[in-house]
PDB file of all heavy atoms in Angstrom:
ATOM      1  N   LEU A   1      81.270  44.786 159.546  1.00  0.00           N
ATOM      2  CA  LEU A   1      80.985  43.596 160.446  1.00  0.00           C
ATOM      3  C   LEU A   1      81.715  43.883 161.858  1.00  0.00           C
ATOM      4  O   LEU A   1      80.973  43.651 162.741  1.00  0.00           O
ATOM      5  CB  LEU A   1      81.695  42.340 159.843  1.00  0.00           C
ATOM      6  CG  LEU A   1      80.993  41.794 158.575  1.00  0.00           C
ATOM      7  CD1 LEU A   1      81.862  40.755 157.801  1.00  0.00           C
ATOM      8  CD2 LEU A   1      79.672  41.158 158.841  1.00  0.00           C
ATOM      9  N   ALA A   2      82.855  44.303 161.825  1.00  0.00           N
ATOM     10  CA  ALA A   2      83.543  44.617 163.112  1.00  0.00           C
ATOM     11  C   ALA A   2      82.760  45.633 163.979  1.00  0.00           C
ATOM     12  O   ALA A   2      82.696  45.474 165.197  1.00  0.00           O
ATOM     13  CB  ALA A   2      85.057  45.022 162.881  1.00  0.00           C
ATOM     14  N   ALA A   3      82.392  46.742 163.260  1.00  0.00           N
ATOM     15  CA  ALA A   3      81.609  47.797 164.074  1.00  0.00           C
ATOM     16  C   ALA A   3      80.283  47.290 164.589  1.00  0.00           C
ATOM     17  O   ALA A   3      80.018  47.515 165.664  1.00  0.00           O
ATOM     18  CB  ALA A   3      81.367  49.034 163.093  1.00  0.00           C
ATOM     19  N   GLY A   4      79.609  46.358 163.781  1.00  0.00           N
ATOM     20  CA  GLY A   4      78.438  45.752 164.299  1.00  0.00           C
ATOM     21  C   GLY A   4      78.712  44.835 165.418  1.00  0.00           C
ATOM     22  O   GLY A   4      77.947  44.931 166.406  1.00  0.00           O
ATOM     23  N   LEU A   5      79.788  44.055 165.335  1.00  0.00           N
ATOM     24  CA  LEU A   5      80.118  43.210 166.371  1.00  0.00           C
ATOM     25  C   LEU A   5      80.456  43.890 167.689  1.00  0.00           C
ATOM     26  O   LEU A   5      80.039  43.554 168.791  1.00  0.00           O
ATOM     27  CB  LEU A   5      81.408  42.305 166.022  1.00  0.00           C
ATOM     28  CG  LEU A   5      81.868  41.238 166.883  1.00  0.00           C
ATOM     29  CD1 LEU A   5      80.882  40.227 167.113  1.00  0.00           C
ATOM     30  CD2 LEU A   5      83.208  40.593 166.318  1.00  0.00           C
ATOM     31  N   LYS A   6      81.170  45.047 167.610  1.00  0.00           N
ATOM     32  CA  LYS A   6      81.495  45.903 168.738  1.00  0.00           C
ATOM     33  C   LYS A   6      80.161  46.490 169.474  1.00  0.00           C
ATOM     34  O   LYS A   6      80.353  46.730 170.557  1.00  0.00           O
ATOM     35  CB  LYS A   6      82.395  47.004 168.159  1.00  0.00           C
ATOM     36  CG  LYS A   6      83.036  47.850 169.187  1.00  0.00           C
ATOM     37  CD  LYS A   6      84.068  48.853 168.699  1.00  0.00           C
ATOM     38  CE  LYS A   6      84.839  49.561 169.711  1.00  0.00           C
ATOM     39  NZ  LYS A   6      85.848  50.534 169.084  1.00  0.00           N
ATOM     40  N   GLU A   7      79.226  46.660 168.677  1.00  0.00           N
ATOM     41  CA  GLU A   7      77.959  47.179 169.173  1.00  0.00           C
ATOM     42  C   GLU A   7      76.923  46.146 169.591  1.00  0.00           C
ATOM     43  O   GLU A   7      75.768  46.481 170.023  1.00  0.00           O
ATOM     44  CB  GLU A   7      77.331  48.174 168.398  1.00  0.00           C
ATOM     45  CG  GLU A   7      78.174  49.469 168.067  1.00  0.00           C
ATOM     46  CD  GLU A   7      77.496  50.569 167.349  1.00  0.00           C
ATOM     47  OE1 GLU A   7      76.222  50.479 167.299  1.00  0.00           O
ATOM     48  OE2 GLU A   7      78.226  51.346 166.838  1.00  0.00           O
ATOM     49  N   ASN A   8      77.259  44.864 169.482  1.00  0.00           N
ATOM     50  CA  ASN A   8      76.334  43.785 169.886  1.00  0.00           C
ATOM     51  C   ASN A   8      76.129  43.873 171.379  1.00  0.00           C
ATOM     52  O   ASN A   8      76.969  44.151 172.125  1.00  0.00           O
ATOM     53  CB  ASN A   8      77.091  42.437 169.478  1.00  0.00           C
ATOM     54  CG  ASN A   8      76.022  41.227 169.555  1.00  0.00           C
ATOM     55  OD1 ASN A   8      75.579  40.878 170.658  1.00  0.00           O
ATOM     56  ND2 ASN A   8      75.698  40.771 168.396  1.00  0.00           N
ATOM     57  N   ASN A   9      74.877  43.609 171.768  1.00  0.00           N
ATOM     58  CA  ASN A   9      74.399  43.754 173.164  1.00  0.00           C
ATOM     59  C   ASN A   9      75.066  42.678 174.070  1.00  0.00           C
ATOM     60  O   ASN A   9      74.994  42.844 175.232  1.00  0.00           O
ATOM     61  CB  ASN A   9      72.880  43.675 173.184  1.00  0.00           C
ATOM     62  CG  ASN A   9      72.300  44.966 172.693  1.00  0.00           C
ATOM     63  OD1 ASN A   9      72.850  46.060 172.827  1.00  0.00           O
ATOM     64  ND2 ASN A   9      71.163  45.004 172.202  1.00  0.00           N
ATOM     65  N   ASN A  10      75.557  41.568 173.503  1.00  0.00           N
ATOM     66  CA  ASN A  10      76.003  40.423 174.329  1.00  0.00           C
ATOM     67  C   ASN A  10      77.542  40.598 174.465  1.00  0.00           C
ATOM     68  O   ASN A  10      78.255  40.694 173.613  1.00  0.00           O
ATOM     69  CB  ASN A  10      75.731  39.127 173.599  1.00  0.00           C
ATOM     70  CG  ASN A  10      75.972  37.902 174.469  1.00  0.00           C
ATOM     71  OD1 ASN A  10      77.114  37.845 174.970  1.00  0.00           O
ATOM     72  ND2 ASN A  10      75.073  37.037 174.515  1.00  0.00           N
ATOM     73  N   ASP A  11      77.888  40.788 175.802  1.00  0.00           N
ATOM     74  CA  ASP A  11      79.357  40.977 176.199  1.00  0.00           C
ATOM     75  C   ASP A  11      80.170  39.894 175.614  1.00  0.00           C
ATOM     76  O   ASP A  11      81.351  40.064 175.093  1.00  0.00           O
ATOM     77  CB  ASP A  11      79.452  41.116 177.694  1.00  0.00           C
ATOM     78  CG  ASP A  11      78.936  42.405 178.181  1.00  0.00           C
ATOM     79  OD1 ASP A  11      78.726  43.356 177.386  1.00  0.00           O
ATOM     80  OD2 ASP A  11      78.726  42.480 179.396  1.00  0.00           O
ATOM     81  N   ARG A  12      79.804  38.670 175.750  1.00  0.00           N
ATOM     82  CA  ARG A  12      80.562  37.475 175.216  1.00  0.00           C
ATOM     83  C   ARG A  12      80.747  37.535 173.777  1.00  0.00           C
ATOM     84  O   ARG A  12      81.914  37.254 173.242  1.00  0.00           O
ATOM     85  CB  ARG A  12      79.827  36.163 175.655  1.00  0.00           C
ATOM     86  CG  ARG A  12      80.623  34.917 175.158  1.00  0.00           C
ATOM     87  CD  ARG A  12      79.668  33.642 175.508  1.00  0.00           C
ATOM     88  NE  ARG A  12      78.458  33.664 174.915  1.00  0.00           N
ATOM     89  CZ  ARG A  12      78.247  33.348 173.697  1.00  0.00           C
ATOM     90  NH1 ARG A  12      79.220  32.966 172.921  1.00  0.00           N
ATOM     91  NH2 ARG A  12      76.985  33.285 173.146  1.00  0.00           N
ATOM     92  N   ILE A  13      79.786  37.896 173.021  1.00  0.00           N
ATOM     93  CA  ILE A  13      79.819  37.965 171.650  1.00  0.00           C
ATOM     94  C   ILE A  13      80.841  39.084 171.138  1.00  0.00           C
ATOM     95  O   ILE A  13      81.591  38.976 170.267  1.00  0.00           O
ATOM     96  CB  ILE A  13      78.542  38.285 170.957  1.00  0.00           C
ATOM     97  CG1 ILE A  13      77.600  36.932 171.145  1.00  0.00           C
ATOM     98  CG2 ILE A  13      78.586  38.708 169.424  1.00  0.00           C
ATOM     99  CD1 ILE A  13      76.238  37.235 170.778  1.00  0.00           C
ATOM    100  N   ARG A  14      80.864  40.207 171.894  1.00  0.00           N
ATOM    101  CA  ARG A  14      81.782  41.351 171.531  1.00  0.00           C
ATOM    102  C   ARG A  14      83.283  41.005 171.660  1.00  0.00           C
ATOM    103  O   ARG A  14      84.049  41.679 171.059  1.00  0.00           O
ATOM    104  CB  ARG A  14      81.524  42.516 172.365  1.00  0.00           C
ATOM    105  CG  ARG A  14      80.157  43.270 172.003  1.00  0.00           C
ATOM    106  CD  ARG A  14      80.190  44.698 172.594  1.00  0.00           C
ATOM    107  NE  ARG A  14      80.368  44.689 174.057  1.00  0.00           N
ATOM    108  CZ  ARG A  14      79.289  44.675 174.945  1.00  0.00           C
ATOM    109  NH1 ARG A  14      78.125  44.572 174.425  1.00  0.00           N
ATOM    110  NH2 ARG A  14      79.489  44.693 176.283  1.00  0.00           N
ATOM    111  N   SER A  15      83.612  39.894 172.388  1.00  0.00           N
ATOM    112  CA  SER A  15      84.966  39.511 172.443  1.00  0.00           C
ATOM    113  C   SER A  15      85.363  38.619 171.290  1.00  0.00           C
ATOM    114  O   SER A  15      86.557  38.258 171.140  1.00  0.00           O
ATOM    115  CB  SER A  15      85.137  38.642 173.759  1.00  0.00           C
ATOM    116  OG  SER A  15      84.424  37.487 173.690  1.00  0.00           O
ATOM    117  N   GLN A  16      84.527  38.263 170.306  1.00  0.00           N
ATOM    118  CA  GLN A  16      84.819  37.416 169.257  1.00  0.00           C
ATOM    119  C   GLN A  16      85.544  38.304 168.059  1.00  0.00           C
ATOM    120  O   GLN A  16      85.632  39.590 168.256  1.00  0.00           O
ATOM    121  CB  GLN A  16      83.598  36.813 168.636  1.00  0.00           C
ATOM    122  CG  GLN A  16      83.092  35.757 169.726  1.00  0.00           C
ATOM    123  CD  GLN A  16      82.241  34.660 169.066  1.00  0.00           C
ATOM    124  OE1 GLN A  16      82.367  34.315 167.902  1.00  0.00           O
ATOM    125  NE2 GLN A  16      81.179  34.216 169.758  1.00  0.00           N
ATOM    126  N   LYS A  17      85.885  37.687 167.034  1.00  0.00           N
ATOM    127  CA  LYS A  17      86.643  38.341 165.966  1.00  0.00           C
ATOM    128  C   LYS A  17      85.942  38.103 164.767  1.00  0.00           C
ATOM    129  O   LYS A  17      85.208  37.228 164.471  1.00  0.00           O
ATOM    130  CB  LYS A  17      88.040  37.705 165.820  1.00  0.00           C
ATOM    131  CG  LYS A  17      88.893  37.666 167.151  1.00  0.00           C
ATOM    132  CD  LYS A  17      89.526  39.065 167.351  1.00  0.00           C
ATOM    133  CE  LYS A  17      90.524  38.808 168.518  1.00  0.00           C
ATOM    134  NZ  LYS A  17      91.137  40.053 168.865  1.00  0.00           N
ATOM    135  N   VAL A  18      86.139  39.068 163.772  1.00  0.00           N
ATOM    136  CA  VAL A  18      85.883  38.978 162.347  1.00  0.00           C
ATOM    137  C   VAL A  18      87.143  38.478 161.661  1.00  0.00           C
ATOM    138  O   VAL A  18      88.142  39.122 161.792  1.00  0.00           O
ATOM    139  CB  VAL A  18      85.403  40.185 161.747  1.00  0.00           C
ATOM    140  CG1 VAL A  18      85.155  40.102 160.200  1.00  0.00           C
ATOM    141  CG2 VAL A  18      84.193  40.831 162.338  1.00  0.00           C
ATOM    142  N   HIS A  19      87.067  37.281 160.983  1.00  0.00           N
ATOM    143  CA  HIS A  19      88.175  36.659 160.390  1.00  0.00           C
ATOM    144  C   HIS A  19      88.158  37.205 158.925  1.00  0.00           C
ATOM    145  O   HIS A  19      87.360  36.863 158.135  1.00  0.00           O
ATOM    146  CB  HIS A  19      88.148  35.142 160.440  1.00  0.00           C
ATOM    147  CG  HIS A  19      88.322  34.648 161.780  1.00  0.00           C
ATOM    148  ND1 HIS A  19      89.518  34.224 162.332  1.00  0.00           N
ATOM    149  CD2 HIS A  19      87.352  34.355 162.761  1.00  0.00           C
ATOM    150  CE1 HIS A  19      89.367  33.816 163.571  1.00  0.00           C
ATOM    151  NE2 HIS A  19      87.996  33.880 163.877  1.00  0.00           N
ATOM    152  N   ALA A  20      89.168  38.119 158.604  1.00  0.00           N
ATOM    153  CA  ALA A  20      89.256  38.766 157.297  1.00  0.00           C
ATOM    154  C   ALA A  20      90.284  38.034 156.488  1.00  0.00           C
ATOM    155  O   ALA A  20      91.349  37.882 156.902  1.00  0.00           O
ATOM    156  CB  ALA A  20      89.490  40.246 157.454  1.00  0.00           C
ATOM    157  N   PHE A  21      89.883  37.518 155.351  1.00  0.00           N
ATOM    158  CA  PHE A  21      90.643  36.879 154.388  1.00  0.00           C
ATOM    159  C   PHE A  21      90.892  37.587 153.051  1.00  0.00           C
ATOM    160  O   PHE A  21      89.963  38.029 152.549  1.00  0.00           O
ATOM    161  CB  PHE A  21      90.023  35.428 153.957  1.00  0.00           C
ATOM    162  CG  PHE A  21      90.092  34.432 155.107  1.00  0.00           C
ATOM    163  CD1 PHE A  21      89.066  34.543 156.140  1.00  0.00           C
ATOM    164  CD2 PHE A  21      91.021  33.438 155.174  1.00  0.00           C
ATOM    165  CE1 PHE A  21      89.146  33.590 157.163  1.00  0.00           C
ATOM    166  CE2 PHE A  21      91.041  32.478 156.178  1.00  0.00           C
ATOM    167  CZ  PHE A  21      90.125  32.557 157.186  1.00  0.00           C
ATOM    168  N   ASP A  22      92.013  37.685 152.571  1.00  0.00           N
ATOM    169  CA  ASP A  22      92.425  38.230 151.356  1.00  0.00           C
ATOM    170  C   ASP A  22      93.823  37.864 150.925  1.00  0.00           C
ATOM    171  O   ASP A  22      94.654  37.650 151.811  1.00  0.00           O
ATOM    172  CB  ASP A  22      92.266  39.804 151.289  1.00  0.00           C
ATOM    173  CG  ASP A  22      91.895  40.255 149.999  1.00  0.00           C
ATOM    174  OD1 ASP A  22      92.826  40.394 149.018  1.00  0.00           O
ATOM    175  OD2 ASP A  22      90.694  40.715 149.751  1.00  0.00           O
ATOM    176  N   LEU A  23      94.114  37.868 149.706  1.00  0.00           N
ATOM    177  CA  LEU A  23      95.487  37.697 149.137  1.00  0.00           C
ATOM    178  C   LEU A  23      96.240  38.994 149.604  1.00  0.00           C
ATOM    179  O   LEU A  23      97.498  38.842 149.771  1.00  0.00           O
ATOM    180  CB  LEU A  23      95.451  37.373 147.708  1.00  0.00           C
ATOM    181  CG  LEU A  23      96.811  37.068 147.098  1.00  0.00           C
ATOM    182  CD1 LEU A  23      97.333  35.745 147.682  1.00  0.00           C
ATOM    183  CD2 LEU A  23      96.623  36.894 145.490  1.00  0.00           C
ATOM    184  N   PHE A  24      95.565  40.091 149.566  1.00  0.00           N
ATOM    185  CA  PHE A  24      96.269  41.337 149.920  1.00  0.00           C
ATOM    186  C   PHE A  24      97.367  41.720 148.884  1.00  0.00           C
ATOM    187  O   PHE A  24      98.439  42.205 149.334  1.00  0.00           O
ATOM    188  CB  PHE A  24      96.746  41.446 151.392  1.00  0.00           C
ATOM    189  CG  PHE A  24      95.577  41.410 152.359  1.00  0.00           C
ATOM    190  CD1 PHE A  24      95.293  40.323 153.060  1.00  0.00           C
ATOM    191  CD2 PHE A  24      94.724  42.663 152.578  1.00  0.00           C
ATOM    192  CE1 PHE A  24      94.355  40.315 154.036  1.00  0.00           C
ATOM    193  CE2 PHE A  24      93.709  42.626 153.444  1.00  0.00           C
ATOM    194  CZ  PHE A  24      93.522  41.441 154.148  1.00  0.00           C
ATOM    195  N   GLU A  25      97.185  41.356 147.625  1.00  0.00           N
ATOM    196  CA  GLU A  25      98.176  41.553 146.660  1.00  0.00           C
ATOM    197  C   GLU A  25      97.554  42.491 145.546  1.00  0.00           C
ATOM    198  O   GLU A  25      96.584  42.012 144.940  1.00  0.00           O
ATOM    199  CB  GLU A  25      98.697  40.386 146.066  1.00  0.00           C
ATOM    200  CG  GLU A  25      99.788  40.493 144.971  1.00  0.00           C
ATOM    201  CD  GLU A  25     100.215  39.169 144.398  1.00  0.00           C
ATOM    202  OE1 GLU A  25     100.957  38.405 145.311  1.00  0.00           O
ATOM    203  OE2 GLU A  25     100.139  38.936 143.238  1.00  0.00           O
ATOM    204  N   LEU A  26      98.116  43.603 145.345  1.00  0.00           N
ATOM    205  CA  LEU A  26      97.599  44.559 144.333  1.00  0.00           C
ATOM    206  C   LEU A  26      97.879  44.155 142.980  1.00  0.00           C
ATOM    207  O   LEU A  26      99.073  44.252 142.507  1.00  0.00           O
ATOM    208  CB  LEU A  26      98.054  45.986 144.650  1.00  0.00           C
ATOM    209  CG  LEU A  26      97.451  47.208 143.816  1.00  0.00           C
ATOM    210  CD1 LEU A  26      95.908  47.236 144.250  1.00  0.00           C
ATOM    211  CD2 LEU A  26      98.194  48.473 144.093  1.00  0.00           C
ATOM    212  N   ASN A  27      96.940  43.665 142.212  1.00  0.00           N
ATOM    213  CA  ASN A  27      97.188  43.323 140.852  1.00  0.00           C
ATOM    214  C   ASN A  27      97.058  44.599 139.858  1.00  0.00           C
ATOM    215  O   ASN A  27      96.549  45.666 140.260  1.00  0.00           O
ATOM    216  CB  ASN A  27      96.211  42.186 140.311  1.00  0.00           C
ATOM    217  CG  ASN A  27      94.748  42.557 140.403  1.00  0.00           C
ATOM    218  OD1 ASN A  27      94.342  43.674 139.986  1.00  0.00           O
ATOM    219  ND2 ASN A  27      93.917  41.652 140.932  1.00  0.00           N
ATOM    220  N   SER A  28      97.435  44.385 138.691  1.00  0.00           N
ATOM    221  CA  SER A  28      97.527  45.571 137.767  1.00  0.00           C
ATOM    222  C   SER A  28      96.152  46.069 137.413  1.00  0.00           C
ATOM    223  O   SER A  28      95.945  47.301 137.292  1.00  0.00           O
ATOM    224  CB  SER A  28      98.195  45.216 136.498  1.00  0.00           C
ATOM    225  OG  SER A  28      97.549  44.071 135.778  1.00  0.00           O
ATOM    226  N   TYR A  29      95.137  45.230 137.396  1.00  0.00           N
ATOM    227  CA  TYR A  29      93.727  45.738 137.068  1.00  0.00           C
ATOM    228  C   TYR A  29      93.263  46.617 138.253  1.00  0.00           C
ATOM    229  O   TYR A  29      92.786  47.765 137.911  1.00  0.00           O
ATOM    230  CB  TYR A  29      92.753  44.614 136.950  1.00  0.00           C
ATOM    231  CG  TYR A  29      91.314  44.933 136.907  1.00  0.00           C
ATOM    232  CD1 TYR A  29      90.817  45.461 135.786  1.00  0.00           C
ATOM    233  CD2 TYR A  29      90.548  44.888 138.112  1.00  0.00           C
ATOM    234  CE1 TYR A  29      89.404  45.868 135.814  1.00  0.00           C
ATOM    235  CE2 TYR A  29      89.205  45.258 138.002  1.00  0.00           C
ATOM    236  CZ  TYR A  29      88.623  45.729 136.900  1.00  0.00           C
ATOM    237  OH  TYR A  29      87.349  46.124 136.925  1.00  0.00           O
ATOM    238  N   LEU A  30      93.456  46.229 139.411  1.00  0.00           N
ATOM    239  CA  LEU A  30      92.982  46.998 140.611  1.00  0.00           C
ATOM    240  C   LEU A  30      93.839  48.248 140.678  1.00  0.00           C
ATOM    241  O   LEU A  30      93.296  49.427 140.974  1.00  0.00           O
ATOM    242  CB  LEU A  30      93.152  46.205 141.939  1.00  0.00           C
ATOM    243  CG  LEU A  30      92.275  45.125 142.014  1.00  0.00           C
ATOM    244  CD1 LEU A  30      92.632  44.259 143.372  1.00  0.00           C
ATOM    245  CD2 LEU A  30      90.732  45.519 142.137  1.00  0.00           C
ATOM    246  N   LYS A  31      95.071  48.205 140.369  1.00  0.00           N
ATOM    247  CA  LYS A  31      96.010  49.380 140.399  1.00  0.00           C
ATOM    248  C   LYS A  31      95.506  50.482 139.522  1.00  0.00           C
ATOM    249  O   LYS A  31      95.445  51.605 139.754  1.00  0.00           O
ATOM    250  CB  LYS A  31      97.440  48.994 140.075  1.00  0.00           C
ATOM    251  CG  LYS A  31      98.510  50.136 140.018  1.00  0.00           C
ATOM    252  CD  LYS A  31      98.689  50.675 141.398  1.00  0.00           C
ATOM    253  CE  LYS A  31      99.884  51.693 141.363  1.00  0.00           C
ATOM    254  NZ  LYS A  31     100.086  52.335 142.681  1.00  0.00           N
ATOM    255  N   GLU A  32      95.146  49.995 138.253  1.00  0.00           N
ATOM    256  CA  GLU A  32      94.791  51.039 137.201  1.00  0.00           C
ATOM    257  C   GLU A  32      93.305  51.491 137.402  1.00  0.00           C
ATOM    258  O   GLU A  32      92.957  52.654 137.087  1.00  0.00           O
ATOM    259  CB  GLU A  32      94.907  50.357 135.752  1.00  0.00           C
ATOM    260  CG  GLU A  32      96.285  49.975 135.386  1.00  0.00           C
ATOM    261  CD  GLU A  32      97.049  51.365 135.173  1.00  0.00           C
ATOM    262  OE1 GLU A  32      96.604  52.348 134.735  1.00  0.00           O
ATOM    263  OE2 GLU A  32      98.285  51.340 135.483  1.00  0.00           O
ATOM    264  N   THR A  33      92.389  50.554 137.858  1.00  0.00           N
ATOM    265  CA  THR A  33      90.958  50.876 137.836  1.00  0.00           C
ATOM    266  C   THR A  33      90.605  51.747 139.149  1.00  0.00           C
ATOM    267  O   THR A  33      89.825  52.552 139.130  1.00  0.00           O
ATOM    268  CB  THR A  33      90.222  49.569 137.877  1.00  0.00           C
ATOM    269  OG1 THR A  33      90.571  48.797 136.749  1.00  0.00           O
ATOM    270  CG2 THR A  33      88.746  49.924 137.633  1.00  0.00           C
ATOM    271  N   TYR A  34      91.372  51.463 140.239  1.00  0.00           N
ATOM    272  CA  TYR A  34      91.100  52.155 141.484  1.00  0.00           C
ATOM    273  C   TYR A  34      92.355  52.880 142.009  1.00  0.00           C
ATOM    274  O   TYR A  34      92.873  52.460 142.960  1.00  0.00           O
ATOM    275  CB  TYR A  34      90.559  51.120 142.407  1.00  0.00           C
ATOM    276  CG  TYR A  34      89.339  50.360 142.040  1.00  0.00           C
ATOM    277  CD1 TYR A  34      89.355  49.188 141.443  1.00  0.00           C
ATOM    278  CD2 TYR A  34      87.993  50.970 142.122  1.00  0.00           C
ATOM    279  CE1 TYR A  34      88.298  48.354 140.953  1.00  0.00           C
ATOM    280  CE2 TYR A  34      86.968  50.273 141.680  1.00  0.00           C
ATOM    281  CZ  TYR A  34      87.088  49.054 141.076  1.00  0.00           C
ATOM    282  OH  TYR A  34      85.947  48.389 140.664  1.00  0.00           O
ATOM    283  N   PRO A  35      92.654  53.954 141.469  1.00  0.00           N
ATOM    284  CA  PRO A  35      93.868  54.790 141.807  1.00  0.00           C
ATOM    285  C   PRO A  35      93.675  55.603 142.990  1.00  0.00           C
ATOM    286  O   PRO A  35      93.723  56.764 143.066  1.00  0.00           O
ATOM    287  CB  PRO A  35      94.117  55.644 140.521  1.00  0.00           C
ATOM    288  CG  PRO A  35      92.699  56.006 139.990  1.00  0.00           C
ATOM    289  CD  PRO A  35      91.977  54.692 140.243  1.00  0.00           C
ATOM    290  N   TYR A  36      93.291  54.776 144.110  1.00  0.00           N
ATOM    291  CA  TYR A  36      93.117  55.453 145.435  1.00  0.00           C
ATOM    292  C   TYR A  36      94.360  56.042 145.964  1.00  0.00           C
ATOM    293  O   TYR A  36      95.561  55.537 145.805  1.00  0.00           O
ATOM    294  CB  TYR A  36      92.625  54.512 146.515  1.00  0.00           C
ATOM    295  CG  TYR A  36      91.291  53.840 146.126  1.00  0.00           C
ATOM    296  CD1 TYR A  36      91.112  52.583 146.523  1.00  0.00           C
ATOM    297  CD2 TYR A  36      90.239  54.624 145.507  1.00  0.00           C
ATOM    298  CE1 TYR A  36      89.727  51.942 146.189  1.00  0.00           C
ATOM    299  CE2 TYR A  36      88.986  53.954 145.247  1.00  0.00           C
ATOM    300  CZ  TYR A  36      88.800  52.733 145.525  1.00  0.00           C
ATOM    301  OH  TYR A  36      87.603  52.064 145.381  1.00  0.00           O
ATOM    302  N   PRO A  37      94.433  57.283 146.563  1.00  0.00           N
ATOM    303  CA  PRO A  37      95.604  57.872 147.085  1.00  0.00           C
ATOM    304  C   PRO A  37      96.314  56.918 148.130  1.00  0.00           C
ATOM    305  O   PRO A  37      97.617  56.882 148.045  1.00  0.00           O
ATOM    306  CB  PRO A  37      95.095  59.110 147.854  1.00  0.00           C
ATOM    307  CG  PRO A  37      93.738  59.441 147.291  1.00  0.00           C
ATOM    308  CD  PRO A  37      93.248  58.039 146.737  1.00  0.00           C
ATOM    309  N   GLU A  38      95.707  56.221 148.847  1.00  0.00           N
ATOM    310  CA  GLU A  38      96.414  55.322 149.873  1.00  0.00           C
ATOM    311  C   GLU A  38      97.206  54.171 149.128  1.00  0.00           C
ATOM    312  O   GLU A  38      97.961  53.521 149.803  1.00  0.00           O
ATOM    313  CB  GLU A  38      95.471  54.885 150.868  1.00  0.00           C
ATOM    314  CG  GLU A  38      94.198  54.082 150.343  1.00  0.00           C
ATOM    315  CD  GLU A  38      92.997  54.856 150.078  1.00  0.00           C
ATOM    316  OE1 GLU A  38      93.123  55.966 149.652  1.00  0.00           O
ATOM    317  OE2 GLU A  38      91.913  54.444 150.543  1.00  0.00           O
ATOM    318  N   LEU A  39      96.867  53.843 147.924  1.00  0.00           N
ATOM    319  CA  LEU A  39      97.451  52.875 147.252  1.00  0.00           C
ATOM    320  C   LEU A  39      98.587  53.416 146.274  1.00  0.00           C
ATOM    321  O   LEU A  39      99.211  52.703 145.474  1.00  0.00           O
ATOM    322  CB  LEU A  39      96.497  52.070 146.353  1.00  0.00           C
ATOM    323  CG  LEU A  39      95.474  51.232 147.159  1.00  0.00           C
ATOM    324  CD1 LEU A  39      94.454  50.592 146.270  1.00  0.00           C
ATOM    325  CD2 LEU A  39      96.262  50.092 147.980  1.00  0.00           C
ATOM    326  N   ALA A  40      98.748  54.789 146.275  1.00  0.00           N
ATOM    327  CA  ALA A  40      99.642  55.428 145.259  1.00  0.00           C
ATOM    328  C   ALA A  40     101.002  54.861 145.302  1.00  0.00           C
ATOM    329  O   ALA A  40     101.735  54.685 144.342  1.00  0.00           O
ATOM    330  CB  ALA A  40      99.707  56.879 145.389  1.00  0.00           C
ATOM    331  N   ASP A  41     101.559  54.509 146.438  1.00  0.00           N
ATOM    332  CA  ASP A  41     102.865  53.979 146.732  1.00  0.00           C
ATOM    333  C   ASP A  41     103.035  52.455 146.616  1.00  0.00           C
ATOM    334  O   ASP A  41     104.106  51.992 146.917  1.00  0.00           O
ATOM    335  CB  ASP A  41     103.530  54.561 147.994  1.00  0.00           C
ATOM    336  CG  ASP A  41     103.550  56.091 147.918  1.00  0.00           C
ATOM    337  OD1 ASP A  41     103.765  56.667 146.876  1.00  0.00           O
ATOM    338  OD2 ASP A  41     103.467  56.713 149.047  1.00  0.00           O
ATOM    339  N   VAL A  42     101.928  51.891 146.307  1.00  0.00           N
ATOM    340  CA  VAL A  42     101.955  50.363 146.354  1.00  0.00           C
ATOM    341  C   VAL A  42     102.014  49.913 144.790  1.00  0.00           C
ATOM    342  O   VAL A  42     101.002  50.041 144.056  1.00  0.00           O
ATOM    343  CB  VAL A  42     100.662  49.718 146.904  1.00  0.00           C
ATOM    344  CG1 VAL A  42     100.700  48.206 146.889  1.00  0.00           C
ATOM    345  CG2 VAL A  42     100.511  50.129 148.366  1.00  0.00           C
ATOM    346  N   PRO A  43     103.089  49.287 144.360  1.00  0.00           N
ATOM    347  CA  PRO A  43     103.174  48.888 142.963  1.00  0.00           C
ATOM    348  C   PRO A  43     102.365  47.684 142.651  1.00  0.00           C
ATOM    349  O   PRO A  43     102.086  46.936 143.661  1.00  0.00           O
ATOM    350  CB  PRO A  43     104.727  48.659 142.805  1.00  0.00           C
ATOM    351  CG  PRO A  43     105.288  48.341 144.169  1.00  0.00           C
ATOM    352  CD  PRO A  43     104.327  49.108 145.151  1.00  0.00           C
ATOM    353  N   ALA A  44     101.946  47.398 141.480  1.00  0.00           N
ATOM    354  CA  ALA A  44     101.260  46.179 141.120  1.00  0.00           C
ATOM    355  C   ALA A  44     102.075  45.026 141.521  1.00  0.00           C
ATOM    356  O   ALA A  44     103.309  44.959 141.278  1.00  0.00           O
ATOM    357  CB  ALA A  44     100.976  46.215 139.601  1.00  0.00           C
ATOM    358  N   GLY A  45     101.465  44.007 142.019  1.00  0.00           N
ATOM    359  CA  GLY A  45     102.206  42.847 142.538  1.00  0.00           C
ATOM    360  C   GLY A  45     102.595  42.831 143.913  1.00  0.00           C
ATOM    361  O   GLY A  45     103.110  41.880 144.517  1.00  0.00           O
ATOM    362  N   ALA A  46     102.507  44.075 144.599  1.00  0.00           N
ATOM    363  CA  ALA A  46     102.979  44.206 146.019  1.00  0.00           C
ATOM    364  C   ALA A  46     101.746  44.131 146.990  1.00  0.00           C
ATOM    365  O   ALA A  46     100.670  44.152 146.524  1.00  0.00           O
ATOM    366  CB  ALA A  46     103.655  45.560 146.180  1.00  0.00           C
TER     367      ALA A  46
END
């Protein structure tokens, strides 16, 4: 969404934001199912 917004032809529109919502908390299911390297140091619940 942000990349598309950045390439929008309207200068006024490009100054807007994408509002990104999430709890941003790594639960045990995501920790086990998606063992991405960038999450290796993030414990479940953090």
